Amino acid sequence: MKKIYFLGVLFFAFLFSGEIQAQTEETQVVFYPTSFGISRPLSEIAAENPYVETSKTRIIKEQPDRANRPPQTFIYTAADGPEYGEDTTTWQTTMGTRDISNRAPLMNWQGQTYTLGRPMDPSGAADDQYYLQAINSTPFRVYNKSTGAAVTAATNIGNLWSPATANAGDPIIIYDRFADRWVLTQFGSSNQIYIAVSTSGDPTGTYYTYTFISPEFPDYLKFSIWGDGYYMTSNQTTDKIYVFERDQLLAGNPSARGIYSTFTTGTVAAFFCPLPADAADNTVLPTVGTPLPFVAYYDNGWGGGTDGVKIWNVTTNWTT
């Protein structure tokens, strides 16, 4: 695996619309929810359907302290040597020594216990009052951010739907500060993309629930907030980027649209998921029409040829 990752940067641009135009011929599809509902308050659902953790015995192997870990050995391919040289003095063999003794967590409390899916893929988000935590194939919970106290019982995200859906995994928790709403997502075992949007800023209240169907299993889905939609990528055989109609999801429109386009990333072996930019930590939401960059990486250690990064700029026009 090469040590330098930014060998080249290529830029492409797609324009999403009702009939998407792109720089290259790609496949674009508009799709709609297969189900829509409004849940009862989460506080009631969690109280009626609490998750009961079963006792399990695990053998936990002690991990060596970071400072005492053996130096990492870099194994170069034939192509690496001439490009980066064989000067061993350039290899990092020790951990950093920056002093962080004057840094401490603002809050620290016992969260949920991982129980099922592996890897754990934890996700969480916070506003001024609450923190929501979710773990792969494990129920989620609402906490008071100031005290760490649980505000609700732990319950499955799928319990927001009626009838309840399976708690398949890879949950994503988002706080959309620009709308003061919470967005909870996860996949289903039959290619479902489940999206729940709180009807207010109270995460213990009611939610709009949407079910979309992906043409392929949306493994390791990743969401981001942008001015013209909620964007999503995932680890799929055919590379796609999805956009969901943010303003309509927030409004509780049963016909809120989704749209996806296929694109070509190049050869990457095994697991692969491009990542969209995210405005969640911005103070201002990007204006509609501002291109969203999303990134795909390449590494010769993963069958990707020359190390590098591709960046696409994407915009979505929902009016044409």
C-alpha atoms as a PDB file:
ATOM      1  CA  MET A   1       0.000   0.000   0.000  1.00  0.00           C
ATOM      2  CA  LYS A   2       1.453   3.356  -0.997  1.00  0.00           C
ATOM      3  CA  LYS A   3       2.168   6.008   1.601  1.00  0.00           C
ATOM      4  CA  ILE A   4       1.167   9.028  -0.522  1.00  0.00           C
ATOM      5  CA  TYR A   5      -2.516   9.158  -1.299  1.00  0.00           C
ATOM      6  CA  PHE A   6      -3.062  12.268  -3.422  1.00  0.00           C
ATOM      7  CA  LEU A   7      -1.228  11.444  -6.629  1.00  0.00           C
ATOM      8  CA  GLY A   8      -3.896  12.816  -8.898  1.00  0.00           C
ATOM      9  CA  VAL A   9      -7.242  14.555  -8.681  1.00  0.00           C
ATOM     10  CA  LEU A  10      -9.833  14.321 -11.431  1.00  0.00           C
ATOM     11  CA  PHE A  11     -12.974  16.386 -11.567  1.00  0.00           C
ATOM     12  CA  PHE A  12     -16.307  15.405 -13.049  1.00  0.00           C
ATOM     13  CA  ALA A  13     -19.686  17.076 -12.831  1.00  0.00           C
ATOM     14  CA  PHE A  14     -23.228  15.709 -12.934  1.00  0.00           C
ATOM     15  CA  LEU A  15     -26.409  17.767 -13.054  1.00  0.00           C
ATOM     16  CA  PHE A  16     -29.374  16.002 -11.440  1.00  0.00           C
ATOM     17  CA  SER A  17     -32.860  16.939 -12.614  1.00  0.00           C
ATOM     18  CA  GLY A  18     -36.114  15.164 -13.411  1.00  0.00           C
ATOM     19  CA  GLU A  19     -34.241  13.943 -16.439  1.00  0.00           C
ATOM     20  CA  ILE A  20     -30.635  14.240 -15.379  1.00  0.00           C
ATOM     21  CA  GLN A  21     -28.042  15.536 -17.790  1.00  0.00           C
ATOM     22  CA  ALA A  22     -24.465  14.490 -17.194  1.00  0.00           C
ATOM     23  CA  GLN A  23     -21.054  14.942 -18.696  1.00  0.00           C
ATOM     24  CA  THR A  24     -21.115  11.264 -19.619  1.00  0.00           C
ATOM     25  CA  GLU A  25     -23.973   8.909 -20.446  1.00  0.00           C
ATOM     26  CA  GLU A  26     -25.216   7.578 -17.125  1.00  0.00           C
ATOM     27  CA  THR A  27     -28.426   6.005 -15.821  1.00  0.00           C
ATOM     28  CA  GLN A  28     -30.772   8.250 -13.812  1.00  0.00           C
ATOM     29  CA  VAL A  29     -33.945   7.106 -12.074  1.00  0.00           C
ATOM     30  CA  VAL A  30     -36.576   9.039 -10.084  1.00  0.00           C
ATOM     31  CA  PHE A  31     -38.291   6.897  -7.453  1.00  0.00           C
ATOM     32  CA  TYR A  32     -40.894   7.342  -4.732  1.00  0.00           C
ATOM     33  CA  PRO A  33     -41.630   5.942  -1.270  1.00  0.00           C
ATOM     34  CA  THR A  34     -43.306   2.549  -1.254  1.00  0.00           C
ATOM     35  CA  SER A  35     -44.766   3.420   2.145  1.00  0.00           C
ATOM     36  CA  PHE A  36     -45.321   6.531   4.258  1.00  0.00           C
ATOM     37  CA  GLY A  37     -46.622   7.010   7.776  1.00  0.00           C
ATOM     38  CA  ILE A  38     -46.635   9.217  10.848  1.00  0.00           C
ATOM     39  CA  SER A  39     -45.495   7.450  13.984  1.00  0.00           C
ATOM     40  CA  ARG A  40     -46.794   7.796  17.487  1.00  0.00           C
ATOM     41  CA  PRO A  41     -44.424   9.634  19.864  1.00  0.00           C
ATOM     42  CA  LEU A  42     -41.112   7.841  20.237  1.00  0.00           C
ATOM     43  CA  SER A  43     -41.400   8.168  24.023  1.00  0.00           C
ATOM     44  CA  GLU A  44     -44.548   5.993  23.931  1.00  0.00           C
ATOM     45  CA  ILE A  45     -43.135   3.492  21.435  1.00  0.00           C
ATOM     46  CA  ALA A  46     -39.925   3.055  23.419  1.00  0.00           C
ATOM     47  CA  ALA A  47     -41.849   2.569  26.673  1.00  0.00           C
ATOM     48  CA  GLU A  48     -44.056  -0.097  25.081  1.00  0.00           C
ATOM     49  CA  ASN A  49     -41.267  -1.825  23.149  1.00  0.00           C
ATOM     50  CA  PRO A  50     -38.127  -1.546  25.300  1.00  0.00           C
ATOM     51  CA  TYR A  51     -35.086  -3.486  24.254  1.00  0.00           C
ATOM     52  CA  VAL A  52     -34.029  -6.065  26.823  1.00  0.00           C
ATOM     53  CA  GLU A  53     -30.357  -6.902  26.602  1.00  0.00           C
ATOM     54  CA  THR A  54     -29.541 -10.567  26.985  1.00  0.00           C
ATOM     55  CA  SER A  55     -26.580 -11.632  29.075  1.00  0.00           C
ATOM     56  CA  LYS A  56     -23.700 -12.846  26.953  1.00  0.00           C
ATOM     57  CA  THR A  57     -20.266 -14.076  27.855  1.00  0.00           C
ATOM     58  CA  ARG A  58     -17.453 -12.695  25.770  1.00  0.00           C
ATOM     59  CA  ILE A  59     -13.724 -13.180  25.938  1.00  0.00           C
ATOM     60  CA  ILE A  60     -12.173  -9.741  25.683  1.00  0.00           C
ATOM     61  CA  LYS A  61      -8.572  -9.758  24.583  1.00  0.00           C
ATOM     62  CA  GLU A  62      -6.398  -7.100  26.090  1.00  0.00           C
ATOM     63  CA  GLN A  63      -4.941  -4.746  23.512  1.00  0.00           C
ATOM     64  CA  PRO A  64      -1.410  -3.406  23.897  1.00  0.00           C
ATOM     65  CA  ASP A  65      -1.069   0.220  24.832  1.00  0.00           C
ATOM     66  CA  ARG A  66      -0.546   2.477  21.817  1.00  0.00           C
ATOM     67  CA  ALA A  67       2.844   3.565  23.073  1.00  0.00           C
ATOM     68  CA  ASN A  68       3.995  -0.035  23.332  1.00  0.00           C
ATOM     69  CA  ARG A  69       2.803  -1.249  19.956  1.00  0.00           C
ATOM     70  CA  PRO A  70       5.523  -2.697  17.725  1.00  0.00           C
ATOM     71  CA  PRO A  71       6.669  -0.490  14.835  1.00  0.00           C
ATOM     72  CA  GLN A  72       4.669  -0.965  11.673  1.00  0.00           C
ATOM     73  CA  THR A  73       6.497  -2.591   8.799  1.00  0.00           C
ATOM     74  CA  PHE A  74       5.752  -1.173   5.366  1.00  0.00           C
ATOM     75  CA  ILE A  75       5.804  -3.645   2.513  1.00  0.00           C
ATOM     76  CA  TYR A  76       6.393  -2.008  -0.846  1.00  0.00           C
ATOM     77  CA  THR A  77       5.476  -3.353  -4.251  1.00  0.00           C
ATOM     78  CA  ALA A  78       7.836  -3.172  -7.198  1.00  0.00           C
ATOM     79  CA  ALA A  79       6.110   0.028  -8.287  1.00  0.00           C
ATOM     80  CA  ASP A  80       6.507   1.715  -4.917  1.00  0.00           C
ATOM     81  CA  GLY A  81      10.277   1.580  -4.596  1.00  0.00           C
ATOM     82  CA  PRO A  82      11.285   3.743  -7.567  1.00  0.00           C
ATOM     83  CA  GLU A  83       8.551   6.268  -6.839  1.00  0.00           C
ATOM     84  CA  TYR A  84       9.056   6.739  -3.108  1.00  0.00           C
ATOM     85  CA  GLY A  85      12.540   5.430  -2.601  1.00  0.00           C
ATOM     86  CA  GLU A  86      13.864   3.097   0.058  1.00  0.00           C
ATOM     87  CA  ASP A  87      15.017   5.700   2.589  1.00  0.00           C
ATOM     88  CA  THR A  88      14.024   4.116   5.907  1.00  0.00           C
ATOM     89  CA  THR A  89      14.457   7.423   7.747  1.00  0.00           C
ATOM     90  CA  THR A  90      11.225   8.654   6.147  1.00  0.00           C
ATOM     91  CA  TRP A  91       9.141   5.842   7.684  1.00  0.00           C
ATOM     92  CA  GLN A  92       7.099   6.606  10.792  1.00  0.00           C
ATOM     93  CA  THR A  93       7.922   3.987  13.417  1.00  0.00           C
ATOM     94  CA  THR A  94       6.736   5.683  16.632  1.00  0.00           C
ATOM     95  CA  MET A  95       3.523   7.263  17.827  1.00  0.00           C
ATOM     96  CA  GLY A  96       3.124  11.022  18.073  1.00  0.00           C
ATOM     97  CA  THR A  97       4.127  12.761  21.299  1.00  0.00           C
ATOM     98  CA  ARG A  98       1.875  15.833  21.240  1.00  0.00           C
ATOM     99  CA  ASP A  99       0.788  16.725  24.771  1.00  0.00           C
ATOM    100  CA  ILE A 100      -2.968  16.371  25.250  1.00  0.00           C
ATOM    101  CA  SER A 101      -2.905  16.280  29.047  1.00  0.00           C
ATOM    102  CA  ASN A 102      -4.810  19.582  29.195  1.00  0.00           C
ATOM    103  CA  ARG A 103      -7.652  18.178  27.080  1.00  0.00           C
ATOM    104  CA  ALA A 104     -10.629  16.397  28.615  1.00  0.00           C
ATOM    105  CA  PRO A 105     -14.093  15.320  27.433  1.00  0.00           C
ATOM    106  CA  LEU A 106     -16.856  17.828  28.092  1.00  0.00           C
ATOM    107  CA  MET A 107     -19.223  14.957  28.925  1.00  0.00           C
ATOM    108  CA  ASN A 108     -18.660  11.234  29.339  1.00  0.00           C
ATOM    109  CA  TRP A 109     -21.282   8.616  30.201  1.00  0.00           C
ATOM    110  CA  GLN A 110     -22.149   4.984  29.617  1.00  0.00           C
ATOM    111  CA  GLY A 111     -23.918   4.613  26.294  1.00  0.00           C
ATOM    112  CA  GLN A 112     -25.545   1.619  24.676  1.00  0.00           C
ATOM    113  CA  THR A 113     -23.953  -1.808  24.735  1.00  0.00           C
ATOM    114  CA  TYR A 114     -23.184  -3.414  21.406  1.00  0.00           C
ATOM    115  CA  THR A 115     -25.051  -6.685  21.069  1.00  0.00           C
ATOM    116  CA  LEU A 116     -25.550  -7.938  17.530  1.00  0.00           C
ATOM    117  CA  GLY A 117     -24.211  -6.847  14.125  1.00  0.00           C
ATOM    118  CA  ARG A 118     -20.517  -6.679  13.408  1.00  0.00           C
ATOM    119  CA  PRO A 119     -18.788  -4.353  12.719  1.00  0.00           C
ATOM    120  CA  MET A 120     -20.390  -2.059  15.287  1.00  0.00           C
ATOM    121  CA  ASP A 121     -20.673   0.985  12.979  1.00  0.00           C
ATOM    122  CA  PRO A 122     -21.749   3.423  15.740  1.00  0.00           C
ATOM    123  CA  SER A 123     -23.574   6.609  14.814  1.00  0.00           C
ATOM    124  CA  GLY A 124     -24.802   9.574  16.807  1.00  0.00           C
ATOM    125  CA  ALA A 125     -25.773  13.234  16.652  1.00  0.00           C
ATOM    126  CA  ALA A 126     -26.488  16.047  19.100  1.00  0.00           C
ATOM    127  CA  ASP A 127     -28.345  19.309  19.367  1.00  0.00           C
ATOM    128  CA  ASP A 128     -28.261  21.682  22.341  1.00  0.00           C
ATOM    129  CA  GLN A 129     -30.312  19.345  24.574  1.00  0.00           C
ATOM    130  CA  TYR A 130     -30.128  15.784  23.314  1.00  0.00           C
ATOM    131  CA  TYR A 131     -27.746  13.140  22.045  1.00  0.00           C
ATOM    132  CA  LEU A 132     -29.037  10.189  20.005  1.00  0.00           C
ATOM    133  CA  GLN A 133     -26.894   7.047  19.788  1.00  0.00           C
ATOM    134  CA  ALA A 134     -27.284   4.017  17.530  1.00  0.00           C
ATOM    135  CA  ILE A 135     -25.141   0.914  16.987  1.00  0.00           C
ATOM    136  CA  ASN A 136     -25.294  -1.614  14.170  1.00  0.00           C
ATOM    137  CA  SER A 137     -28.316  -3.942  14.541  1.00  0.00           C
ATOM    138  CA  THR A 138     -28.782  -2.581  18.078  1.00  0.00           C
ATOM    139  CA  PRO A 139     -31.639  -0.327  19.289  1.00  0.00           C
ATOM    140  CA  PHE A 140     -31.076   3.425  19.529  1.00  0.00           C
ATOM    141  CA  ARG A 141     -31.634   5.706  22.502  1.00  0.00           C
ATOM    142  CA  VAL A 142     -32.135   9.372  23.359  1.00  0.00           C
ATOM    143  CA  TYR A 143     -29.947  10.917  26.073  1.00  0.00           C
ATOM    144  CA  ASN A 144     -29.915  14.250  27.873  1.00  0.00           C
ATOM    145  CA  LYS A 145     -26.719  15.872  26.629  1.00  0.00           C
ATOM    146  CA  SER A 146     -26.141  17.865  29.819  1.00  0.00           C
ATOM    147  CA  THR A 147     -26.513  15.000  32.297  1.00  0.00           C
ATOM    148  CA  GLY A 148     -26.044  11.817  30.259  1.00  0.00           C
ATOM    149  CA  ALA A 149     -29.332  10.473  31.613  1.00  0.00           C
ATOM    150  CA  ALA A 150     -31.436   8.315  29.294  1.00  0.00           C
ATOM    151  CA  VAL A 151     -34.550  10.191  28.165  1.00  0.00           C
ATOM    152  CA  THR A 152     -36.201   7.183  26.505  1.00  0.00           C
ATOM    153  CA  ALA A 153     -35.886   3.440  26.745  1.00  0.00           C
ATOM    154  CA  ALA A 154     -33.773   1.824  24.050  1.00  0.00           C
ATOM    155  CA  THR A 155     -35.873   0.656  21.111  1.00  0.00           C
ATOM    156  CA  ASN A 156     -35.495  -0.365  17.482  1.00  0.00           C
ATOM    157  CA  ILE A 157     -35.561   2.297  14.771  1.00  0.00           C
ATOM    158  CA  GLY A 158     -37.937  -0.026  12.920  1.00  0.00           C
ATOM    159  CA  ASN A 159     -40.543   0.376  15.672  1.00  0.00           C
ATOM    160  CA  LEU A 160     -41.300   3.842  14.311  1.00  0.00           C
ATOM    161  CA  TRP A 161     -42.964   2.166  11.318  1.00  0.00           C
ATOM    162  CA  SER A 162     -46.383   0.522  11.478  1.00  0.00           C
ATOM    163  CA  PRO A 163     -46.135  -2.375  11.191  1.00  0.00           C
ATOM    164  CA  ALA A 164     -42.630  -2.397  12.638  1.00  0.00           C
ATOM    165  CA  THR A 165     -39.793  -3.119  10.219  1.00  0.00           C
ATOM    166  CA  ALA A 166     -36.752  -5.286  10.857  1.00  0.00           C
ATOM    167  CA  ASN A 167     -33.782  -3.699  12.598  1.00  0.00           C
ATOM    168  CA  ALA A 168     -31.455  -4.804   9.792  1.00  0.00           C
ATOM    169  CA  GLY A 169     -28.494  -2.549  10.487  1.00  0.00           C
ATOM    170  CA  ASP A 170     -26.100   0.268   9.546  1.00  0.00           C
ATOM    171  CA  PRO A 171     -28.125   3.017  11.289  1.00  0.00           C
ATOM    172  CA  ILE A 172     -27.296   6.659  10.644  1.00  0.00           C
ATOM    173  CA  ILE A 173     -28.384   9.413  13.061  1.00  0.00           C
ATOM    174  CA  ILE A 174     -28.451  12.977  11.725  1.00  0.00           C
ATOM    175  CA  TYR A 175     -29.409  16.260  13.339  1.00  0.00           C
ATOM    176  CA  ASP A 176     -30.407  18.772  10.668  1.00  0.00           C
ATOM    177  CA  ARG A 177     -29.704  22.010  12.486  1.00  0.00           C
ATOM    178  CA  PHE A 178     -30.984  24.110   9.595  1.00  0.00           C
ATOM    179  CA  ALA A 179     -34.496  22.710  10.088  1.00  0.00           C
ATOM    180  CA  ASP A 180     -34.211  21.652  13.762  1.00  0.00           C
ATOM    181  CA  ARG A 181     -35.141  18.080  12.837  1.00  0.00           C
ATOM    182  CA  TRP A 182     -33.769  14.603  13.442  1.00  0.00           C
ATOM    183  CA  VAL A 183     -33.221  12.100  10.625  1.00  0.00           C
ATOM    184  CA  LEU A 184     -32.864   8.382  11.394  1.00  0.00           C
ATOM    185  CA  THR A 185     -31.975   5.910   8.643  1.00  0.00           C
ATOM    186  CA  GLN A 186     -31.032   2.280   8.167  1.00  0.00           C
ATOM    187  CA  PHE A 187     -31.260  -0.378   5.474  1.00  0.00           C
ATOM    188  CA  GLY A 188     -33.578  -3.374   5.156  1.00  0.00           C
ATOM    189  CA  SER A 189     -32.645  -6.881   4.093  1.00  0.00           C
ATOM    190  CA  SER A 190     -34.660  -6.573   0.849  1.00  0.00           C
ATOM    191  CA  ASN A 191     -32.940  -3.402  -0.446  1.00  0.00           C
ATOM    192  CA  GLN A 192     -35.066  -0.998   1.612  1.00  0.00           C
ATOM    193  CA  ILE A 193     -33.794   2.438   2.549  1.00  0.00           C
ATOM    194  CA  TYR A 194     -35.683   3.459   5.690  1.00  0.00           C
ATOM    195  CA  ILE A 195     -35.795   7.195   6.487  1.00  0.00           C
ATOM    196  CA  ALA A 196     -37.552   8.635   9.559  1.00  0.00           C
ATOM    197  CA  VAL A 197     -37.753  12.429   9.948  1.00  0.00           C
ATOM    198  CA  SER A 198     -38.922  13.974  13.222  1.00  0.00           C
ATOM    199  CA  THR A 199     -41.974  16.201  12.886  1.00  0.00           C
ATOM    200  CA  SER A 200     -40.426  18.740  15.276  1.00  0.00           C
ATOM    201  CA  GLY A 201     -37.160  19.421  17.067  1.00  0.00           C
ATOM    202  CA  ASP A 202     -38.171  17.020  19.849  1.00  0.00           C
ATOM    203  CA  PRO A 203     -36.526  13.625  19.165  1.00  0.00           C
ATOM    204  CA  THR A 204     -38.937  11.917  21.581  1.00  0.00           C
ATOM    205  CA  GLY A 205     -41.956  13.018  19.533  1.00  0.00           C
ATOM    206  CA  THR A 206     -43.522  11.783  16.298  1.00  0.00           C
ATOM    207  CA  TYR A 207     -41.757  10.961  13.025  1.00  0.00           C
ATOM    208  CA  TYR A 208     -42.583  10.892   9.333  1.00  0.00           C
ATOM    209  CA  THR A 209     -41.551   7.446   8.110  1.00  0.00           C
ATOM    210  CA  TYR A 210     -40.558   6.715   4.513  1.00  0.00           C
ATOM    211  CA  THR A 211     -39.561   3.470   2.815  1.00  0.00           C
ATOM    212  CA  PHE A 212     -37.634   3.631  -0.463  1.00  0.00           C
ATOM    213  CA  ILE A 213     -36.420   0.617  -2.446  1.00  0.00           C
ATOM    214  CA  SER A 214     -32.899   0.579  -3.867  1.00  0.00           C
ATOM    215  CA  PRO A 215     -32.154  -1.470  -7.006  1.00  0.00           C
ATOM    216  CA  GLU A 216     -29.243  -3.016  -5.110  1.00  0.00           C
ATOM    217  CA  PHE A 217     -28.563  -3.722  -1.459  1.00  0.00           C
ATOM    218  CA  PRO A 218     -27.568  -0.344   0.104  1.00  0.00           C
ATOM    219  CA  ASP A 219     -24.746  -1.621   2.280  1.00  0.00           C
ATOM    220  CA  TYR A 220     -22.845   0.811   4.525  1.00  0.00           C
ATOM    221  CA  LEU A 221     -25.072   3.722   3.532  1.00  0.00           C
ATOM    222  CA  LYS A 222     -23.797   7.229   4.277  1.00  0.00           C
ATOM    223  CA  PHE A 223     -25.950  10.370   4.339  1.00  0.00           C
ATOM    224  CA  SER A 224     -25.172  14.076   4.162  1.00  0.00           C
ATOM    225  CA  ILE A 225     -27.121  17.325   4.426  1.00  0.00           C
ATOM    226  CA  TRP A 226     -26.993  19.764   1.500  1.00  0.00           C
ATOM    227  CA  GLY A 227     -29.051  22.697   0.263  1.00  0.00           C
ATOM    228  CA  ASP A 228     -30.933  20.768  -2.417  1.00  0.00           C
ATOM    229  CA  GLY A 229     -31.372  17.408  -0.699  1.00  0.00           C
ATOM    230  CA  TYR A 230     -30.207  14.664   1.583  1.00  0.00           C
ATOM    231  CA  TYR A 231     -27.470  12.859  -0.354  1.00  0.00           C
ATOM    232  CA  MET A 232     -26.626   9.190   0.105  1.00  0.00           C
ATOM    233  CA  THR A 233     -23.915   6.815  -1.066  1.00  0.00           C
ATOM    234  CA  SER A 234     -23.406   3.153  -0.269  1.00  0.00           C
ATOM    235  CA  ASN A 235     -21.279   0.116  -1.007  1.00  0.00           C
ATOM    236  CA  GLN A 236     -22.996  -1.249  -4.117  1.00  0.00           C
ATOM    237  CA  THR A 237     -21.839  -3.324  -7.066  1.00  0.00           C
ATOM    238  CA  THR A 238     -22.932  -0.572  -9.464  1.00  0.00           C
ATOM    239  CA  ASP A 239     -21.751   2.778  -8.120  1.00  0.00           C
ATOM    240  CA  LYS A 240     -24.604   5.192  -7.482  1.00  0.00           C
ATOM    241  CA  ILE A 241     -25.257   8.480  -5.748  1.00  0.00           C
ATOM    242  CA  TYR A 242     -28.746   9.083  -4.329  1.00  0.00           C
ATOM    243  CA  VAL A 243     -30.536  12.336  -3.478  1.00  0.00           C
ATOM    244  CA  PHE A 244     -33.737  12.608  -1.443  1.00  0.00           C
ATOM    245  CA  GLU A 245     -36.029  15.638  -1.622  1.00  0.00           C
ATOM    246  CA  ARG A 246     -35.142  17.254   1.687  1.00  0.00           C
ATOM    247  CA  ASP A 247     -37.830  19.944   1.868  1.00  0.00           C
ATOM    248  CA  GLN A 248     -40.585  17.419   1.062  1.00  0.00           C
ATOM    249  CA  LEU A 249     -39.304  14.857   3.562  1.00  0.00           C
ATOM    250  CA  LEU A 250     -39.350  17.595   6.200  1.00  0.00           C
ATOM    251  CA  ALA A 251     -42.895  18.571   5.187  1.00  0.00           C
ATOM    252  CA  GLY A 252     -44.204  15.017   5.494  1.00  0.00           C
ATOM    253  CA  ASN A 253     -45.067  14.645   1.799  1.00  0.00           C
ATOM    254  CA  PRO A 254     -45.962  10.987   1.051  1.00  0.00           C
ATOM    255  CA  SER A 255     -44.716  11.550  -2.527  1.00  0.00           C
ATOM    256  CA  ALA A 256     -41.318  12.979  -1.598  1.00  0.00           C
ATOM    257  CA  ARG A 257     -38.960  12.009  -4.398  1.00  0.00           C
ATOM    258  CA  GLY A 258     -35.646  10.274  -4.529  1.00  0.00           C
ATOM    259  CA  ILE A 259     -33.334  10.182  -7.527  1.00  0.00           C
ATOM    260  CA  TYR A 260     -30.166   8.265  -8.236  1.00  0.00           C
ATOM    261  CA  SER A 261     -27.540   8.222 -10.938  1.00  0.00           C
ATOM    262  CA  THR A 262     -24.953   5.613 -11.746  1.00  0.00           C
ATOM    263  CA  PHE A 263     -21.370   6.643 -12.331  1.00  0.00           C
ATOM    264  CA  THR A 264     -18.058   4.953 -13.003  1.00  0.00           C
ATOM    265  CA  THR A 265     -15.414   5.098 -10.311  1.00  0.00           C
ATOM    266  CA  GLY A 266     -12.852   2.700 -11.748  1.00  0.00           C
ATOM    267  CA  THR A 267     -11.488  -0.582 -10.489  1.00  0.00           C
ATOM    268  CA  VAL A 268     -11.514  -1.043  -6.735  1.00  0.00           C
ATOM    269  CA  ALA A 269     -11.397  -4.468  -5.150  1.00  0.00           C
ATOM    270  CA  ALA A 270     -13.729  -5.633  -2.365  1.00  0.00           C
ATOM    271  CA  PHE A 271     -15.410  -3.005  -0.149  1.00  0.00           C
ATOM    272  CA  PHE A 272     -15.932   0.436  -1.635  1.00  0.00           C
ATOM    273  CA  CYS A 273     -18.085   3.436  -0.712  1.00  0.00           C
ATOM    274  CA  PRO A 274     -17.644   6.980  -2.099  1.00  0.00           C
ATOM    275  CA  LEU A 275     -18.338   9.727   0.442  1.00  0.00           C
ATOM    276  CA  PRO A 276     -20.455  12.875  -0.007  1.00  0.00           C
ATOM    277  CA  ALA A 277     -19.576  16.230   1.527  1.00  0.00           C
ATOM    278  CA  ASP A 278     -21.739  17.186   4.504  1.00  0.00           C
ATOM    279  CA  ALA A 279     -22.961  20.579   5.677  1.00  0.00           C
ATOM    280  CA  ALA A 280     -24.094  19.284   9.084  1.00  0.00           C
ATOM    281  CA  ASP A 281     -21.463  21.305  10.949  1.00  0.00           C
ATOM    282  CA  ASN A 282     -21.803  24.454   8.847  1.00  0.00           C
ATOM    283  CA  THR A 283     -23.424  27.581  10.238  1.00  0.00           C
ATOM    284  CA  VAL A 284     -25.197  28.259   6.936  1.00  0.00           C
ATOM    285  CA  LEU A 285     -26.868  25.731   4.637  1.00  0.00           C
ATOM    286  CA  PRO A 286     -25.367  25.811   1.121  1.00  0.00           C
ATOM    287  CA  THR A 287     -27.673  27.640  -1.272  1.00  0.00           C
ATOM    288  CA  VAL A 288     -29.650  25.573  -3.769  1.00  0.00           C
ATOM    289  CA  GLY A 289     -27.473  25.029  -6.824  1.00  0.00           C
ATOM    290  CA  THR A 290     -24.218  24.908  -4.875  1.00  0.00           C
ATOM    291  CA  PRO A 291     -22.393  21.800  -6.136  1.00  0.00           C
ATOM    292  CA  LEU A 292     -21.916  19.023  -3.612  1.00  0.00           C
ATOM    293  CA  PRO A 293     -18.535  17.311  -3.960  1.00  0.00           C
ATOM    294  CA  PHE A 294     -18.315  13.584  -3.360  1.00  0.00           C
ATOM    295  CA  VAL A 295     -15.095  11.662  -3.271  1.00  0.00           C
ATOM    296  CA  ALA A 296     -13.825   8.250  -4.330  1.00  0.00           C
ATOM    297  CA  TYR A 297     -10.354   7.053  -3.413  1.00  0.00           C
ATOM    298  CA  TYR A 298      -7.978   4.642  -5.113  1.00  0.00           C
ATOM    299  CA  ASP A 299      -5.201   2.618  -3.545  1.00  0.00           C
ATOM    300  CA  ASN A 300      -2.952   0.045  -5.144  1.00  0.00           C
ATOM    301  CA  GLY A 301      -3.323  -2.056  -2.006  1.00  0.00           C
ATOM    302  CA  TRP A 302      -7.046  -2.411  -2.808  1.00  0.00           C
ATOM    303  CA  GLY A 303      -6.714  -3.186  -6.505  1.00  0.00           C
ATOM    304  CA  GLY A 304      -7.275   0.435  -7.461  1.00  0.00           C
ATOM    305  CA  GLY A 305      -4.202   0.988  -9.605  1.00  0.00           C
ATOM    306  CA  THR A 306      -2.431   4.301  -9.082  1.00  0.00           C
ATOM    307  CA  ASP A 307      -3.132   5.918  -5.714  1.00  0.00           C
ATOM    308  CA  GLY A 308      -5.350   8.960  -5.960  1.00  0.00           C
ATOM    309  CA  VAL A 309      -8.705  10.617  -5.432  1.00  0.00           C
ATOM    310  CA  LYS A 310     -11.579  11.458  -7.774  1.00  0.00           C
ATOM    311  CA  ILE A 311     -13.932  14.309  -6.921  1.00  0.00           C
ATOM    312  CA  TRP A 312     -17.321  14.807  -8.560  1.00  0.00           C
ATOM    313  CA  ASN A 313     -19.472  17.951  -8.239  1.00  0.00           C
ATOM    314  CA  VAL A 314     -23.217  17.258  -8.147  1.00  0.00           C
ATOM    315  CA  THR A 315     -26.267  19.531  -8.162  1.00  0.00           C
ATOM    316  CA  THR A 316     -29.945  18.588  -8.174  1.00  0.00           C
ATOM    317  CA  ASN A 317     -32.769  20.466  -9.900  1.00  0.00           C
ATOM    318  CA  TRP A 318     -36.148  19.264  -8.624  1.00  0.00           C
ATOM    319  CA  THR A 319     -38.212  21.629 -10.822  1.00  0.00           C
ATOM    320  CA  THR A 320     -37.436  20.217 -14.292  1.00  0.00           C
END
